[in-house]
Every structure is written in structure tokens, then in C-alpha cells.
Protein backbone atom coordinates (compact mmCIF):
# COMPACT_ATOMS: atom_id res chain seq x y z
CA MET A 1 13.93 -29.46 192.89
CA SER A 2 13.43 -32.19 195.45
CA GLU A 3 15.53 -35.50 195.12
CA GLY A 4 14.18 -37.81 192.76
CA GLY A 5 12.13 -35.35 190.94
CA GLN A 6 12.56 -33.30 187.75
CA ARG A 7 11.32 -29.84 186.65
CA LEU A 8 7.98 -30.00 184.81
CA ASP A 9 9.13 -27.76 181.82
CA LYS A 10 12.18 -30.12 181.38
CA TRP A 11 10.00 -33.24 181.55
CA LEU A 12 7.57 -31.80 178.99
CA PHE A 13 10.40 -31.15 176.49
CA PHE A 14 12.24 -34.47 177.09
CA ALA A 15 8.87 -36.30 176.53
CA ARG A 16 8.46 -34.29 173.15
CA PHE A 17 5.13 -32.61 174.17
CA PHE A 18 6.58 -29.34 173.11
CA LYS A 19 9.61 -28.51 170.64
CA SER A 20 11.31 -26.34 173.03
CA ARG A 21 11.75 -26.05 176.80
CA GLY A 22 10.73 -22.18 176.25
CA LEU A 23 7.38 -23.33 174.58
CA ALA A 24 6.81 -25.58 177.49
CA THR A 25 7.57 -23.06 180.04
CA ALA A 26 5.12 -20.53 178.19
CA ARG A 27 2.39 -23.06 178.12
CA ILE A 28 2.69 -24.03 181.83
CA GLU A 29 2.73 -20.09 182.79
CA ALA A 30 -0.43 -19.50 180.60
CA GLY A 31 -2.27 -22.35 182.26
CA GLY A 32 -3.71 -25.56 180.79
CA ILE A 33 -1.37 -28.11 182.69
CA ARG A 34 -2.56 -30.13 185.66
CA ILE A 35 -0.53 -32.18 187.97
CA ASN A 36 -2.49 -34.78 190.02
CA GLY A 37 -5.58 -32.77 189.26
CA GLN A 38 -4.32 -29.52 190.48
CA PRO A 39 -3.57 -26.46 188.14
CA CYS A 40 0.11 -25.78 187.81
CA ARG A 41 1.61 -22.46 186.49
CA LYS A 42 5.14 -23.07 187.96
CA PRO A 43 7.54 -24.39 185.30
CA GLY A 44 9.94 -25.37 188.01
CA ARG A 45 7.45 -27.65 189.97
CA SER A 46 9.08 -30.80 190.80
CA LEU A 47 7.50 -33.87 188.87
CA HIS A 48 7.90 -37.38 190.09
CA VAL A 49 7.33 -40.95 188.67
CA GLY A 50 3.52 -41.81 189.23
CA ASP A 51 2.30 -38.33 188.98
CA GLU A 52 -0.67 -37.72 186.73
CA VAL A 53 -0.30 -34.91 184.11
CA THR A 54 -2.89 -33.30 181.94
CA ILE A 55 -1.97 -31.17 179.12
CA SER A 56 -4.36 -28.82 177.17
CA ALA A 57 -2.52 -27.60 174.13
CA HIS A 58 -2.74 -27.51 170.44
CA GLY A 59 -6.53 -28.06 170.69
CA HIS A 60 -6.21 -31.37 172.42
CA VAL A 61 -6.33 -32.62 175.98
CA ARG A 62 -3.93 -35.55 176.94
CA ALA A 63 -3.71 -37.20 180.12
CA MET A 64 -0.86 -39.40 181.35
CA ARG A 65 0.99 -40.98 184.07
CA VAL A 66 4.67 -40.32 184.42
CA LEU A 67 6.61 -43.58 184.12
CA ALA A 68 10.14 -42.26 184.27
CA LEU A 69 12.15 -39.04 184.38
CA GLY A 70 14.02 -38.02 181.37
CA THR A 71 17.85 -37.55 181.04
CA ARG A 72 17.83 -36.16 177.54
CA ARG A 73 15.69 -35.22 174.60
CA GLY A 74 15.97 -38.42 172.69
CA PRO A 75 14.10 -39.99 169.79
CA ALA A 76 10.31 -40.32 169.86
CA THR A 77 10.59 -44.00 170.87
CA GLU A 78 12.70 -43.09 173.82
CA ALA A 79 10.30 -40.22 174.93
CA GLN A 80 7.32 -42.36 174.64
CA CYS A 81 8.70 -44.64 177.57
CA LEU A 82 8.54 -41.72 179.88
CA TYR A 83 4.71 -41.82 180.26
CA LEU A 84 1.64 -43.93 179.73
CA GLU A 85 -1.17 -41.92 177.91
CA HIS A 86 -4.87 -42.45 178.56
CA THR A 87 -7.09 -41.23 175.74
CA ASP A 88 -10.19 -41.06 177.86
CA GLY A 89 -8.45 -38.84 180.47
CA LEU A 90 -9.12 -41.54 183.17
CA ILE A 91 -6.24 -43.55 184.62
CA ASP A 92 -6.99 -46.97 185.88
CA PRO A 93 -4.68 -47.76 188.93
CA ASP A 94 -4.52 -51.49 187.91
CA GLU A 95 -3.30 -50.84 184.41
CA GLY A 96 0.15 -52.04 183.81
CA THR A 97 3.12 -50.26 182.40
CA ARG A 98 4.74 -50.50 178.93
């Protein structure tokens, strides 16, 4: 992992998109995760603040911008501070952070 980054599977777990890191790893390897518009099947891919993540899982597609890297899997309110979600899948570069 490069300096300033975090493993994708770990971030998805910390951000509470998956109940376990193993489930996050399985979903990444099966497809359905995009980083900056590019498909990603490597759980160890380094994720950085500002990256765009698209998740297709559980019958929904979610698009978000990474605002912070996690240090633990905390409560939902803490996890929500790690990303800015966009319901339309489009990210406005002028949109502020939380």
C-alpha cells in the first residue's frame, strides 16, 4: 500500500458498506466495484482521499467520493464521515464536503 492510502477492502468495511472485511473482499473479487470509473477486482488496491468509488451490491448502485480514510470500524455516524454519497451517480466537483 502506498503512503497515504488504505486497502479498498478495509475502507469498505470501515465505511460500513459490508458487514465483514471478508464480504468486502469477496464482492471486490466478483466485480461490481469501480475506482475512478475503472473496474477493480483487487481487494488490496490502495484507496486515497478524493477517489471516486462506485459499488454495485445488494441490488443497488452507490457512488461516492472518499473524504477520509478510516482507522477503525466505528459507529455508523463515524463511518458516514468517510464519504460523500451521490444518489444520481454523478459527482459535482464544486460540491462541498460534510
